[in-house]
Amino acid sequence: MDNVVFKPWLGKNCNSTKILILSESAYSWHDDHGNIQDPPPSHPKKALLWAIKKFPRRGYFTSMSRALCRRETPTLEQMMETWHGYAYTIYVQGTVGQGARKRPNAQQWKHASDRFLHLIEELRPLKVVVTGLDMWNHHMPDTSVQLDDHLQAYKLSDGTLVWCLALPHPSNSRQGFEWKRIGERIHLFKAAKFPRRK
């Protein structure tokens, strides 16, 4: 599954908001029959919709749904409406191995870095919410413009700036992911007016 390229979830209103949410990686799992399942190209959409239906199952999408909806127990309808305002995808392509504790290897990080620049050229978001400080600080391509350590921009080929807000990983409260505070940061980032050109 090393050659899998994930197809982003494109919420029905994401063309008006132009915000991409970027998670770090995906892993393989055992199905109900004990067979190993690798994440398919459609995994961003399938994982998101599955997790919304299983809310409040612990994990990435529960924390992000709380932050994005700015509610501890959003309804299914509130989560669907909110996620439809965003595009969502996974940075590292394919699987990192079996189980949630697996980490990407150096080759996967490098491939992800190269792919990410092509992805933002294709999707042309104006803003990206990067969920994972390890990914942001060590494994993403260098940015063109810096406002601070966690607010920077990439420049597309036509000069358009894509602004990124880096946040702690939603599954790691020890690194500072607290859904109310993160929800407020995302809300402010979403509303902020940034320069479109350098």
N, C-alpha and C. Protein backbone atom coordinates (compact mmCIF):
# COMPACT_ATOMS: atom_id res chain seq x y z
N MET A 1 0.82 -1.22 0.00
CA MET A 1 0.00 0.00 0.00
C MET A 1 0.86 1.27 0.00
N ASP A 2 2.15 1.13 -0.29
CA ASP A 2 3.03 2.30 -0.29
C ASP A 2 2.67 3.30 -1.39
N ASN A 3 2.00 2.84 -2.46
CA ASN A 3 1.69 3.74 -3.57
C ASN A 3 0.30 4.37 -3.46
N VAL A 4 -0.39 4.17 -2.35
CA VAL A 4 -1.71 4.78 -2.16
C VAL A 4 -1.55 6.30 -2.03
N VAL A 5 -2.38 7.02 -2.76
CA VAL A 5 -2.48 8.47 -2.59
C VAL A 5 -3.90 8.76 -2.15
N PHE A 6 -4.04 9.39 -0.99
CA PHE A 6 -5.36 9.63 -0.45
C PHE A 6 -6.11 10.70 -1.23
N LYS A 7 -7.39 10.45 -1.40
CA LYS A 7 -8.28 11.42 -2.04
C LYS A 7 -8.94 12.26 -0.94
N PRO A 8 -8.74 13.56 -0.94
CA PRO A 8 -9.29 14.38 0.15
C PRO A 8 -10.82 14.35 0.22
N TRP A 9 -11.33 14.48 1.45
CA TRP A 9 -12.74 14.79 1.67
C TRP A 9 -12.92 16.24 1.27
N LEU A 10 -13.91 16.51 0.45
CA LEU A 10 -14.24 17.88 0.06
C LEU A 10 -15.66 18.17 0.50
N GLY A 11 -15.80 18.87 1.62
CA GLY A 11 -17.12 19.23 2.09
C GLY A 11 -17.85 20.07 1.07
N LYS A 12 -19.19 19.99 1.06
CA LYS A 12 -19.95 20.67 0.00
C LYS A 12 -19.80 22.19 0.03
N ASN A 13 -19.35 22.75 1.16
CA ASN A 13 -19.15 24.20 1.25
C ASN A 13 -17.69 24.59 1.31
N CYS A 14 -16.79 23.65 1.07
CA CYS A 14 -15.37 23.98 1.23
C CYS A 14 -14.86 24.93 0.15
N ASN A 15 -15.54 25.02 -0.98
CA ASN A 15 -15.11 25.96 -2.01
C ASN A 15 -15.31 27.41 -1.59
N SER A 16 -16.23 27.65 -0.68
CA SER A 16 -16.42 29.02 -0.20
C SER A 16 -15.50 29.35 0.97
N THR A 17 -15.21 28.37 1.83
CA THR A 17 -14.32 28.64 2.96
C THR A 17 -12.86 28.49 2.58
N LYS A 18 -12.56 27.53 1.67
CA LYS A 18 -11.19 27.27 1.20
C LYS A 18 -10.23 26.97 2.35
N ILE A 19 -10.68 26.11 3.27
CA ILE A 19 -9.84 25.70 4.39
C ILE A 19 -9.67 24.18 4.35
N LEU A 20 -8.42 23.77 4.43
CA LEU A 20 -8.06 22.36 4.46
C LEU A 20 -7.61 21.98 5.86
N ILE A 21 -8.12 20.86 6.37
CA ILE A 21 -7.64 20.30 7.63
C ILE A 21 -6.73 19.13 7.28
N LEU A 22 -5.54 19.14 7.87
CA LEU A 22 -4.53 18.15 7.55
C LEU A 22 -4.18 17.34 8.79
N SER A 23 -4.42 16.01 8.73
CA SER A 23 -3.99 15.14 9.83
C SER A 23 -2.69 14.45 9.41
N GLU A 24 -2.08 13.76 10.35
CA GLU A 24 -0.72 13.26 10.14
C GLU A 24 -0.64 11.98 9.30
N SER A 25 -1.28 10.91 9.75
CA SER A 25 -1.08 9.62 9.10
C SER A 25 -2.24 8.69 9.38
N ALA A 26 -2.24 7.56 8.68
CA ALA A 26 -3.26 6.53 8.87
C ALA A 26 -2.58 5.19 9.05
N TYR A 27 -3.27 4.28 9.71
CA TYR A 27 -2.70 2.97 10.01
C TYR A 27 -3.65 1.85 9.56
N SER A 28 -3.12 0.65 9.51
CA SER A 28 -3.91 -0.53 9.17
C SER A 28 -4.59 -1.09 10.43
N TRP A 29 -5.65 -1.86 10.23
CA TRP A 29 -6.41 -2.40 11.36
C TRP A 29 -6.94 -3.78 11.00
N HIS A 30 -7.39 -4.51 12.03
CA HIS A 30 -8.02 -5.82 11.82
C HIS A 30 -9.52 -5.63 11.68
N ASP A 31 -10.10 -6.27 10.67
CA ASP A 31 -11.55 -6.20 10.52
C ASP A 31 -12.21 -7.22 11.45
N ASP A 32 -13.52 -7.36 11.34
CA ASP A 32 -14.28 -8.25 12.22
C ASP A 32 -13.92 -9.72 12.05
N HIS A 33 -13.26 -10.05 10.94
CA HIS A 33 -12.86 -11.44 10.68
C HIS A 33 -11.38 -11.67 10.95
N GLY A 34 -10.70 -10.66 11.50
CA GLY A 34 -9.29 -10.79 11.82
C GLY A 34 -8.34 -10.51 10.68
N ASN A 35 -8.88 -10.07 9.55
CA ASN A 35 -8.04 -9.75 8.39
C ASN A 35 -7.50 -8.32 8.51
N ILE A 36 -6.27 -8.13 8.06
CA ILE A 36 -5.68 -6.79 8.10
C ILE A 36 -6.23 -5.96 6.95
N GLN A 37 -6.70 -4.77 7.28
CA GLN A 37 -7.22 -3.83 6.30
C GLN A 37 -6.31 -2.61 6.23
N ASP A 38 -5.85 -2.30 5.03
CA ASP A 38 -5.06 -1.09 4.82
C ASP A 38 -5.97 0.05 4.39
N PRO A 39 -5.62 1.28 4.75
CA PRO A 39 -6.47 2.41 4.36
C PRO A 39 -6.47 2.59 2.83
N PRO A 40 -7.66 2.65 2.22
CA PRO A 40 -7.74 2.83 0.76
C PRO A 40 -7.62 4.32 0.39
N PRO A 41 -7.55 4.63 -0.90
CA PRO A 41 -7.48 6.05 -1.31
C PRO A 41 -8.63 6.89 -0.76
N SER A 42 -9.80 6.29 -0.56
CA SER A 42 -10.97 7.02 -0.05
C SER A 42 -10.98 7.14 1.47
N HIS A 43 -9.89 6.75 2.14
CA HIS A 43 -9.86 6.70 3.60
C HIS A 43 -10.20 8.03 4.29
N PRO A 44 -9.74 9.19 3.83
CA PRO A 44 -10.12 10.43 4.53
C PRO A 44 -11.64 10.58 4.68
N LYS A 45 -12.38 10.35 3.62
CA LYS A 45 -13.83 10.48 3.67
C LYS A 45 -14.46 9.38 4.52
N LYS A 46 -14.02 8.13 4.28
CA LYS A 46 -14.61 7.00 5.02
C LYS A 46 -14.34 7.11 6.52
N ALA A 47 -13.12 7.46 6.88
CA ALA A 47 -12.77 7.56 8.31
C ALA A 47 -13.55 8.68 8.98
N LEU A 48 -13.68 9.81 8.30
CA LEU A 48 -14.42 10.94 8.86
C LEU A 48 -15.89 10.58 9.09
N LEU A 49 -16.54 10.02 8.08
CA LEU A 49 -17.97 9.70 8.21
C LEU A 49 -18.19 8.60 9.24
N TRP A 50 -17.30 7.60 9.28
CA TRP A 50 -17.42 6.53 10.28
C TRP A 50 -17.30 7.11 11.69
N ALA A 51 -16.32 8.00 11.89
CA ALA A 51 -16.08 8.55 13.23
C ALA A 51 -17.22 9.46 13.68
N ILE A 52 -17.81 10.19 12.76
CA ILE A 52 -18.96 11.03 13.12
C ILE A 52 -20.11 10.16 13.61
N LYS A 53 -20.35 9.05 12.93
CA LYS A 53 -21.43 8.15 13.34
C LYS A 53 -21.13 7.49 14.68
N LYS A 54 -19.85 7.28 14.99
CA LYS A 54 -19.46 6.61 16.24
C LYS A 54 -19.20 7.60 17.39
N PHE A 55 -19.37 8.89 17.15
CA PHE A 55 -19.13 9.88 18.20
C PHE A 55 -19.89 9.49 19.47
N PRO A 56 -19.29 9.62 20.66
CA PRO A 56 -18.00 10.22 21.01
C PRO A 56 -16.87 9.22 21.22
N ARG A 57 -16.72 8.28 20.34
CA ARG A 57 -15.59 7.34 20.44
C ARG A 57 -14.30 8.15 20.51
N ARG A 58 -13.43 7.78 21.42
CA ARG A 58 -12.20 8.52 21.66
C ARG A 58 -11.31 8.54 20.41
N GLY A 59 -10.69 9.68 20.12
CA GLY A 59 -9.77 9.74 19.01
C GLY A 59 -9.76 11.08 18.30
N TYR A 60 -9.07 11.09 17.18
CA TYR A 60 -8.83 12.30 16.39
C TYR A 60 -10.11 13.05 16.06
N PHE A 61 -11.07 12.36 15.45
CA PHE A 61 -12.26 13.04 14.94
C PHE A 61 -13.19 13.52 16.05
N THR A 62 -13.21 12.83 17.17
CA THR A 62 -14.01 13.32 18.30
C THR A 62 -13.46 14.64 18.81
N SER A 63 -12.15 14.70 19.02
CA SER A 63 -11.53 15.94 19.49
C SER A 63 -11.68 17.07 18.48
N MET A 64 -11.46 16.76 17.19
CA MET A 64 -11.58 17.79 16.17
C MET A 64 -13.03 18.24 15.99
N SER A 65 -13.97 17.31 16.07
CA SER A 65 -15.38 17.70 15.93
C SER A 65 -15.80 18.61 17.07
N ARG A 66 -15.36 18.31 18.28
CA ARG A 66 -15.66 19.19 19.41
C ARG A 66 -15.07 20.57 19.18
N ALA A 67 -13.81 20.62 18.73
CA ALA A 67 -13.15 21.91 18.51
C ALA A 67 -13.82 22.70 17.39
N LEU A 68 -14.10 22.04 16.27
CA LEU A 68 -14.69 22.73 15.12
C LEU A 68 -16.12 23.20 15.41
N CYS A 69 -16.90 22.35 16.10
CA CYS A 69 -18.29 22.71 16.44
C CYS A 69 -18.36 23.61 17.67
N ARG A 70 -17.26 23.63 18.45
CA ARG A 70 -17.16 24.39 19.70
C ARG A 70 -18.26 23.96 20.68
N ARG A 71 -18.43 22.62 20.75
CA ARG A 71 -19.39 22.00 21.66
C ARG A 71 -18.83 20.66 22.12
N GLU A 72 -19.08 20.32 23.37
CA GLU A 72 -18.60 19.04 23.88
C GLU A 72 -19.36 17.86 23.27
N THR A 73 -20.67 18.04 23.07
CA THR A 73 -21.48 16.96 22.51
C THR A 73 -22.30 17.47 21.32
N PRO A 74 -21.62 17.77 20.21
CA PRO A 74 -22.38 18.20 19.03
C PRO A 74 -23.25 17.06 18.50
N THR A 75 -24.34 17.41 17.87
CA THR A 75 -25.20 16.40 17.25
C THR A 75 -24.58 15.94 15.94
N LEU A 76 -25.09 14.84 15.44
CA LEU A 76 -24.65 14.34 14.14
C LEU A 76 -24.84 15.41 13.06
N GLU A 77 -25.98 16.09 13.11
CA GLU A 77 -26.28 17.13 12.11
C GLU A 77 -25.30 18.29 12.23
N GLN A 78 -24.98 18.70 13.46
CA GLN A 78 -24.02 19.79 13.66
C GLN A 78 -22.63 19.41 13.16
N MET A 79 -22.22 18.17 13.43
CA MET A 79 -20.90 17.73 12.94
C MET A 79 -20.86 17.68 11.42
N MET A 80 -21.90 17.13 10.80
CA MET A 80 -21.91 17.05 9.34
C MET A 80 -21.90 18.45 8.72
N GLU A 81 -22.71 19.33 9.25
CA GLU A 81 -22.76 20.70 8.71
C GLU A 81 -21.40 21.38 8.85
N THR A 82 -20.76 21.19 10.00
CA THR A 82 -19.47 21.83 10.25
C THR A 82 -18.39 21.26 9.33
N TRP A 83 -18.28 19.93 9.26
CA TRP A 83 -17.25 19.33 8.42
C TRP A 83 -17.46 19.63 6.95
N HIS A 84 -18.69 19.91 6.54
CA HIS A 84 -18.94 20.27 5.14
C HIS A 84 -18.34 21.63 4.79
N GLY A 85 -17.89 22.37 5.78
CA GLY A 85 -17.23 23.65 5.52
C GLY A 85 -15.73 23.51 5.28
N TYR A 86 -15.21 22.27 5.28
CA TYR A 86 -13.77 22.06 5.17
C TYR A 86 -13.45 20.98 4.14
N ALA A 87 -12.22 21.05 3.64
CA ALA A 87 -11.60 19.90 2.99
C ALA A 87 -10.77 19.21 4.08
N TYR A 88 -10.57 17.92 3.94
CA TYR A 88 -9.78 17.18 4.92
C TYR A 88 -8.97 16.11 4.22
N THR A 89 -7.71 15.96 4.60
CA THR A 89 -6.92 14.85 4.09
C THR A 89 -5.81 14.48 5.06
N ILE A 90 -5.05 13.47 4.67
CA ILE A 90 -4.00 12.90 5.50
C ILE A 90 -2.66 13.20 4.82
N TYR A 91 -1.70 13.63 5.60
CA TYR A 91 -0.39 14.05 5.08
C TYR A 91 0.43 12.88 4.55
N VAL A 92 0.71 11.89 5.39
CA VAL A 92 1.50 10.72 4.99
C VAL A 92 0.59 9.78 4.20
N GLN A 93 1.02 9.41 3.01
CA GLN A 93 0.21 8.58 2.13
C GLN A 93 0.34 7.10 2.49
N GLY A 94 -0.73 6.33 2.29
CA GLY A 94 -0.71 4.90 2.58
C GLY A 94 -0.79 4.61 4.06
N THR A 95 -0.31 3.47 4.46
CA THR A 95 -0.37 3.05 5.86
C THR A 95 1.00 3.17 6.51
N VAL A 96 1.01 3.48 7.79
CA VAL A 96 2.27 3.49 8.55
C VAL A 96 2.48 2.16 9.26
N GLY A 97 1.56 1.22 9.10
CA GLY A 97 1.66 -0.09 9.74
C GLY A 97 0.42 -0.38 10.57
N GLN A 98 0.45 -1.45 11.34
CA GLN A 98 -0.70 -1.86 12.12
C GLN A 98 -0.77 -1.11 13.45
N GLY A 99 -1.91 -0.52 13.72
CA GLY A 99 -2.16 0.10 15.01
C GLY A 99 -1.83 1.57 15.08
N ALA A 100 -2.53 2.24 16.00
CA ALA A 100 -2.47 3.70 16.11
C ALA A 100 -1.13 4.23 16.60
N ARG A 101 -0.30 3.40 17.20
CA ARG A 101 0.96 3.90 17.76
C ARG A 101 2.12 3.89 16.77
N LYS A 102 1.89 3.39 15.58
CA LYS A 102 2.95 3.34 14.57
C LYS A 102 3.27 4.75 14.08
N ARG A 103 4.55 4.97 13.77
CA ARG A 103 5.00 6.28 13.30
C ARG A 103 5.51 6.15 11.86
N PRO A 104 5.36 7.20 11.07
CA PRO A 104 5.90 7.16 9.71
C PRO A 104 7.42 7.03 9.72
N ASN A 105 7.95 6.39 8.68
CA ASN A 105 9.41 6.29 8.55
C ASN A 105 9.92 7.48 7.71
N ALA A 106 11.23 7.59 7.60
CA ALA A 106 11.84 8.73 6.91
C ALA A 106 11.39 8.83 5.46
N GLN A 107 11.29 7.70 4.77
CA GLN A 107 10.86 7.71 3.38
C GLN A 107 9.41 8.19 3.24
N GLN A 108 8.54 7.78 4.16
CA GLN A 108 7.14 8.21 4.12
C GLN A 108 7.02 9.71 4.38
N TRP A 109 7.80 10.22 5.33
CA TRP A 109 7.79 11.67 5.59
C TRP A 109 8.23 12.44 4.34
N LYS A 110 9.29 11.96 3.69
CA LYS A 110 9.82 12.65 2.50
C LYS A 110 8.80 12.65 1.38
N HIS A 111 8.19 11.51 1.12
CA HIS A 111 7.16 11.41 0.08
C HIS A 111 5.99 12.34 0.40
N ALA A 112 5.60 12.38 1.66
CA ALA A 112 4.48 13.25 2.08
C ALA A 112 4.81 14.71 1.84
N SER A 113 6.03 15.11 2.15
CA SER A 113 6.45 16.49 1.96
C SER A 113 6.35 16.90 0.49
N ASP A 114 6.84 16.05 -0.39
CA ASP A 114 6.77 16.34 -1.83
C ASP A 114 5.33 16.39 -2.31
N ARG A 115 4.52 15.44 -1.87
CA ARG A 115 3.12 15.36 -2.28
C ARG A 115 2.32 16.56 -1.79
N PHE A 116 2.62 17.05 -0.59
CA PHE A 116 1.85 18.14 -0.01
C PHE A 116 1.90 19.39 -0.88
N LEU A 117 3.06 19.73 -1.40
CA LEU A 117 3.18 20.92 -2.24
C LEU A 117 2.34 20.79 -3.51
N HIS A 118 2.28 19.58 -4.09
CA HIS A 118 1.42 19.36 -5.25
C HIS A 118 -0.05 19.45 -4.86
N LEU A 119 -0.37 18.91 -3.68
CA LEU A 119 -1.76 18.92 -3.21
C LEU A 119 -2.30 20.34 -3.06
N ILE A 120 -1.54 21.21 -2.43
CA ILE A 120 -2.07 22.57 -2.24
C ILE A 120 -2.12 23.35 -3.56
N GLU A 121 -1.26 22.99 -4.51
CA GLU A 121 -1.39 23.58 -5.85
C GLU A 121 -2.69 23.12 -6.51
N GLU A 122 -3.07 21.86 -6.31
CA GLU A 122 -4.30 21.31 -6.89
C GLU A 122 -5.55 21.85 -6.20
N LEU A 123 -5.56 21.78 -4.86
CA LEU A 123 -6.75 22.18 -4.11
C LEU A 123 -6.90 23.69 -3.96
N ARG A 124 -5.78 24.38 -3.92
CA ARG A 124 -5.74 25.83 -3.78
C ARG A 124 -6.54 26.35 -2.57
N PRO A 125 -6.28 25.78 -1.39
CA PRO A 125 -6.92 26.35 -0.20
C PRO A 125 -6.28 27.70 0.11
N LEU A 126 -6.98 28.52 0.85
CA LEU A 126 -6.39 29.76 1.33
C LEU A 126 -5.78 29.56 2.71
N LYS A 127 -6.28 28.54 3.43
CA LYS A 127 -5.80 28.27 4.79
C LYS A 127 -5.73 26.76 5.01
N VAL A 128 -4.77 26.36 5.87
CA VAL A 128 -4.62 24.95 6.24
C VAL A 128 -4.49 24.88 7.75
N VAL A 129 -5.29 24.02 8.37
CA VAL A 129 -5.17 23.73 9.79
C VAL A 129 -4.34 22.45 9.89
N VAL A 130 -3.12 22.58 10.38
CA VAL A 130 -2.19 21.46 10.47
C VAL A 130 -2.29 20.87 11.88
N THR A 131 -2.73 19.62 11.99
CA THR A 131 -2.94 19.01 13.30
C THR A 131 -1.82 18.02 13.60
N GLY A 132 -0.79 18.53 14.25
CA GLY A 132 0.35 17.71 14.63
C GLY A 132 1.62 18.54 14.64
N LEU A 133 2.10 18.89 15.82
CA LEU A 133 3.28 19.75 15.90
C LEU A 133 4.56 19.04 15.50
N ASP A 134 4.65 17.73 15.71
CA ASP A 134 5.83 17.00 15.26
C ASP A 134 5.90 17.04 13.74
N MET A 135 4.78 16.79 13.09
CA MET A 135 4.72 16.87 11.64
C MET A 135 5.10 18.27 11.16
N TRP A 136 4.53 19.29 11.78
CA TRP A 136 4.77 20.68 11.40
C TRP A 136 6.22 21.09 11.62
N ASN A 137 6.77 20.78 12.77
CA ASN A 137 8.11 21.25 13.12
C ASN A 137 9.24 20.50 12.44
N HIS A 138 9.00 19.26 12.03
CA HIS A 138 10.11 18.44 11.55
C HIS A 138 9.93 17.82 10.17
N HIS A 139 8.71 17.74 9.65
CA HIS A 139 8.51 16.93 8.46
C HIS A 139 7.78 17.61 7.32
N MET A 140 7.38 18.86 7.47
CA MET A 140 6.69 19.54 6.38
C MET A 140 7.69 20.43 5.63
N PRO A 141 7.39 20.75 4.36
CA PRO A 141 8.30 21.61 3.60
C PRO A 141 8.44 22.98 4.25
N ASP A 142 9.55 23.65 3.96
CA ASP A 142 9.76 25.01 4.48
C ASP A 142 8.72 25.96 3.90
N THR A 143 8.29 26.90 4.71
CA THR A 143 7.30 27.88 4.28
C THR A 143 7.99 29.11 3.68
N SER A 144 7.20 29.98 3.07
CA SER A 144 7.72 31.20 2.43
C SER A 144 7.63 32.41 3.34
N VAL A 145 6.61 32.44 4.21
CA VAL A 145 6.35 33.60 5.07
C VAL A 145 6.09 33.10 6.48
N GLN A 146 6.66 33.78 7.48
CA GLN A 146 6.44 33.41 8.89
C GLN A 146 5.90 34.60 9.66
N LEU A 147 4.79 34.38 10.37
CA LEU A 147 4.33 35.37 11.35
C LEU A 147 4.79 34.97 12.73
N ASP A 148 4.74 33.68 13.03
CA ASP A 148 5.34 33.13 14.25
C ASP A 148 5.57 31.65 14.03
N ASP A 149 5.99 30.92 15.06
CA ASP A 149 6.34 29.51 14.88
C ASP A 149 5.19 28.66 14.36
N HIS A 150 3.96 29.04 14.68
CA HIS A 150 2.81 28.21 14.33
C HIS A 150 1.85 28.88 13.36
N LEU A 151 2.24 29.99 12.76
CA LEU A 151 1.42 30.68 11.77
C LEU A 151 2.32 31.13 10.63
N GLN A 152 2.27 30.37 9.55
CA GLN A 152 3.17 30.60 8.42
C GLN A 152 2.42 30.36 7.12
N ALA A 153 3.06 30.67 5.99
CA ALA A 153 2.39 30.53 4.69
C ALA A 153 3.32 29.91 3.65
N TYR A 154 2.70 29.13 2.77
CA TYR A 154 3.35 28.62 1.57
C TYR A 154 2.95 29.52 0.41
N LYS A 155 3.86 29.70 -0.54
CA LYS A 155 3.55 30.47 -1.74
C LYS A 155 3.33 29.53 -2.91
N LEU A 156 2.15 29.61 -3.53
CA LEU A 156 1.86 28.80 -4.70
C LEU A 156 2.57 29.36 -5.92
N SER A 157 2.52 28.63 -7.02
CA SER A 157 3.26 29.01 -8.22
C SER A 157 2.83 30.35 -8.78
N ASP A 158 1.58 30.76 -8.54
CA ASP A 158 1.11 32.06 -9.04
C ASP A 158 1.28 33.18 -8.02
N GLY A 159 1.94 32.88 -6.89
CA GLY A 159 2.18 33.90 -5.87
C GLY A 159 1.16 33.93 -4.75
N THR A 160 0.05 33.17 -4.87
CA THR A 160 -0.95 33.12 -3.82
C THR A 160 -0.35 32.51 -2.55
N LEU A 161 -0.66 33.10 -1.40
CA LEU A 161 -0.19 32.57 -0.13
C LEU A 161 -1.25 31.66 0.48
N VAL A 162 -0.80 30.51 0.96
CA VAL A 162 -1.65 29.56 1.68
C VAL A 162 -1.20 29.58 3.13
N TRP A 163 -2.03 30.12 4.01
CA TRP A 163 -1.67 30.30 5.42
C TRP A 163 -1.96 29.05 6.22
N CYS A 164 -1.03 28.70 7.10
CA CYS A 164 -1.14 27.48 7.90
C CYS A 164 -1.10 27.81 9.39
N LEU A 165 -2.02 27.21 10.12
CA LEU A 165 -2.04 27.27 11.57
C LEU A 165 -1.68 25.89 12.08
N ALA A 166 -0.58 25.79 12.84
CA ALA A 166 -0.14 24.51 13.38
C ALA A 166 -0.67 24.34 14.80
N LEU A 167 -1.28 23.17 15.04
CA LEU A 167 -1.89 22.87 16.34
C LEU A 167 -1.37 21.54 16.87
N PRO A 168 -1.47 21.32 18.17
CA PRO A 168 -1.12 20.00 18.70
C PRO A 168 -2.01 18.92 18.10
N HIS A 169 -1.52 17.69 18.08
CA HIS A 169 -2.32 16.59 17.56
C HIS A 169 -3.54 16.38 18.46
N PRO A 170 -4.73 16.24 17.87
CA PRO A 170 -5.95 16.11 18.67
C PRO A 170 -6.01 14.89 19.58
N SER A 171 -5.20 13.89 19.34
CA SER A 171 -5.19 12.71 20.20
C SER A 171 -4.19 12.84 21.35
N ASN A 172 -3.55 14.00 21.46
CA ASN A 172 -2.50 14.16 22.47
C ASN A 172 -2.76 15.37 23.35
N SER A 173 -3.51 15.17 24.42
CA SER A 173 -3.81 16.27 25.34
C SER A 173 -2.56 16.72 26.11
N ARG A 174 -1.57 15.83 26.23
CA ARG A 174 -0.33 16.20 26.93
C ARG A 174 0.44 17.29 26.19
N GLN A 175 0.27 17.36 24.87
CA GLN A 175 0.94 18.39 24.09
C GLN A 175 0.10 19.65 23.97
N GLY A 176 -1.03 19.68 24.63
CA GLY A 176 -1.79 20.92 24.69
C GLY A 176 -3.07 20.98 23.88
N PHE A 177 -3.58 19.82 23.42
CA PHE A 177 -4.85 19.88 22.70
C PHE A 177 -5.99 19.86 23.72
N GLU A 178 -6.61 20.99 23.88
CA GLU A 178 -7.79 21.14 24.74
C GLU A 178 -8.87 21.73 23.83
N TRP A 179 -9.93 21.00 23.60
CA TRP A 179 -10.83 21.31 22.50
C TRP A 179 -11.43 22.71 22.56
N LYS A 180 -11.73 23.23 23.73
CA LYS A 180 -12.30 24.59 23.79
C LYS A 180 -11.31 25.63 23.31
N ARG A 181 -10.09 25.54 23.81
CA ARG A 181 -9.06 26.51 23.43
C ARG A 181 -8.69 26.36 21.95
N ILE A 182 -8.56 25.12 21.48
CA ILE A 182 -8.22 24.87 20.08
C ILE A 182 -9.37 25.33 19.18
N GLY A 183 -10.59 25.09 19.61
CA GLY A 183 -11.75 25.54 18.84
C GLY A 183 -11.74 27.04 18.66
N GLU A 184 -11.37 27.78 19.70
CA GLU A 184 -11.30 29.24 19.60
C GLU A 184 -10.19 29.66 18.64
N ARG A 185 -9.04 28.98 18.69
CA ARG A 185 -7.94 29.31 17.78
C ARG A 185 -8.33 29.06 16.32
N ILE A 186 -9.00 27.95 16.08
CA ILE A 186 -9.45 27.65 14.71
C ILE A 186 -10.46 28.69 14.26
N HIS A 187 -11.39 29.05 15.13
CA HIS A 187 -12.40 30.05 14.81
C HIS A 187 -11.76 31.39 14.43
N LEU A 188 -10.77 31.82 15.21
CA LEU A 188 -10.08 33.08 14.93
C LEU A 188 -9.28 32.99 13.64
N PHE A 189 -8.63 31.86 13.40
CA PHE A 189 -7.87 31.63 12.17
C PHE A 189 -8.79 31.67 10.96
N LYS A 190 -9.94 31.03 11.08
CA LYS A 190 -10.91 30.99 9.99
C LYS A 190 -11.39 32.40 9.63
N ALA A 191 -11.59 33.23 10.64
CA ALA A 191 -12.12 34.58 10.42
C ALA A 191 -11.05 35.59 10.02
N ALA A 192 -9.79 35.29 10.28
CA ALA A 192 -8.71 36.26 10.06
C ALA A 192 -8.51 36.55 8.57
N LYS A 193 -8.16 37.81 8.28
CA LYS A 193 -7.84 38.24 6.92
C LYS A 193 -6.32 38.33 6.80
N PHE A 194 -5.74 37.49 5.96
CA PHE A 194 -4.31 37.46 5.74
C PHE A 194 -3.98 37.98 4.36
N PRO A 195 -2.76 38.48 4.16
CA PRO A 195 -2.36 38.90 2.81
C PRO A 195 -2.45 37.73 1.83
N ARG A 196 -2.92 38.01 0.63
CA ARG A 196 -3.03 36.98 -0.41
C ARG A 196 -1.73 36.81 -1.19
N ARG A 197 -0.88 37.81 -1.14
CA ARG A 197 0.40 37.79 -1.84
C ARG A 197 1.50 38.23 -0.90
N LYS A 198 2.72 37.81 -1.20
CA LYS A 198 3.88 38.17 -0.38
C LYS A 198 4.26 39.61 -0.65
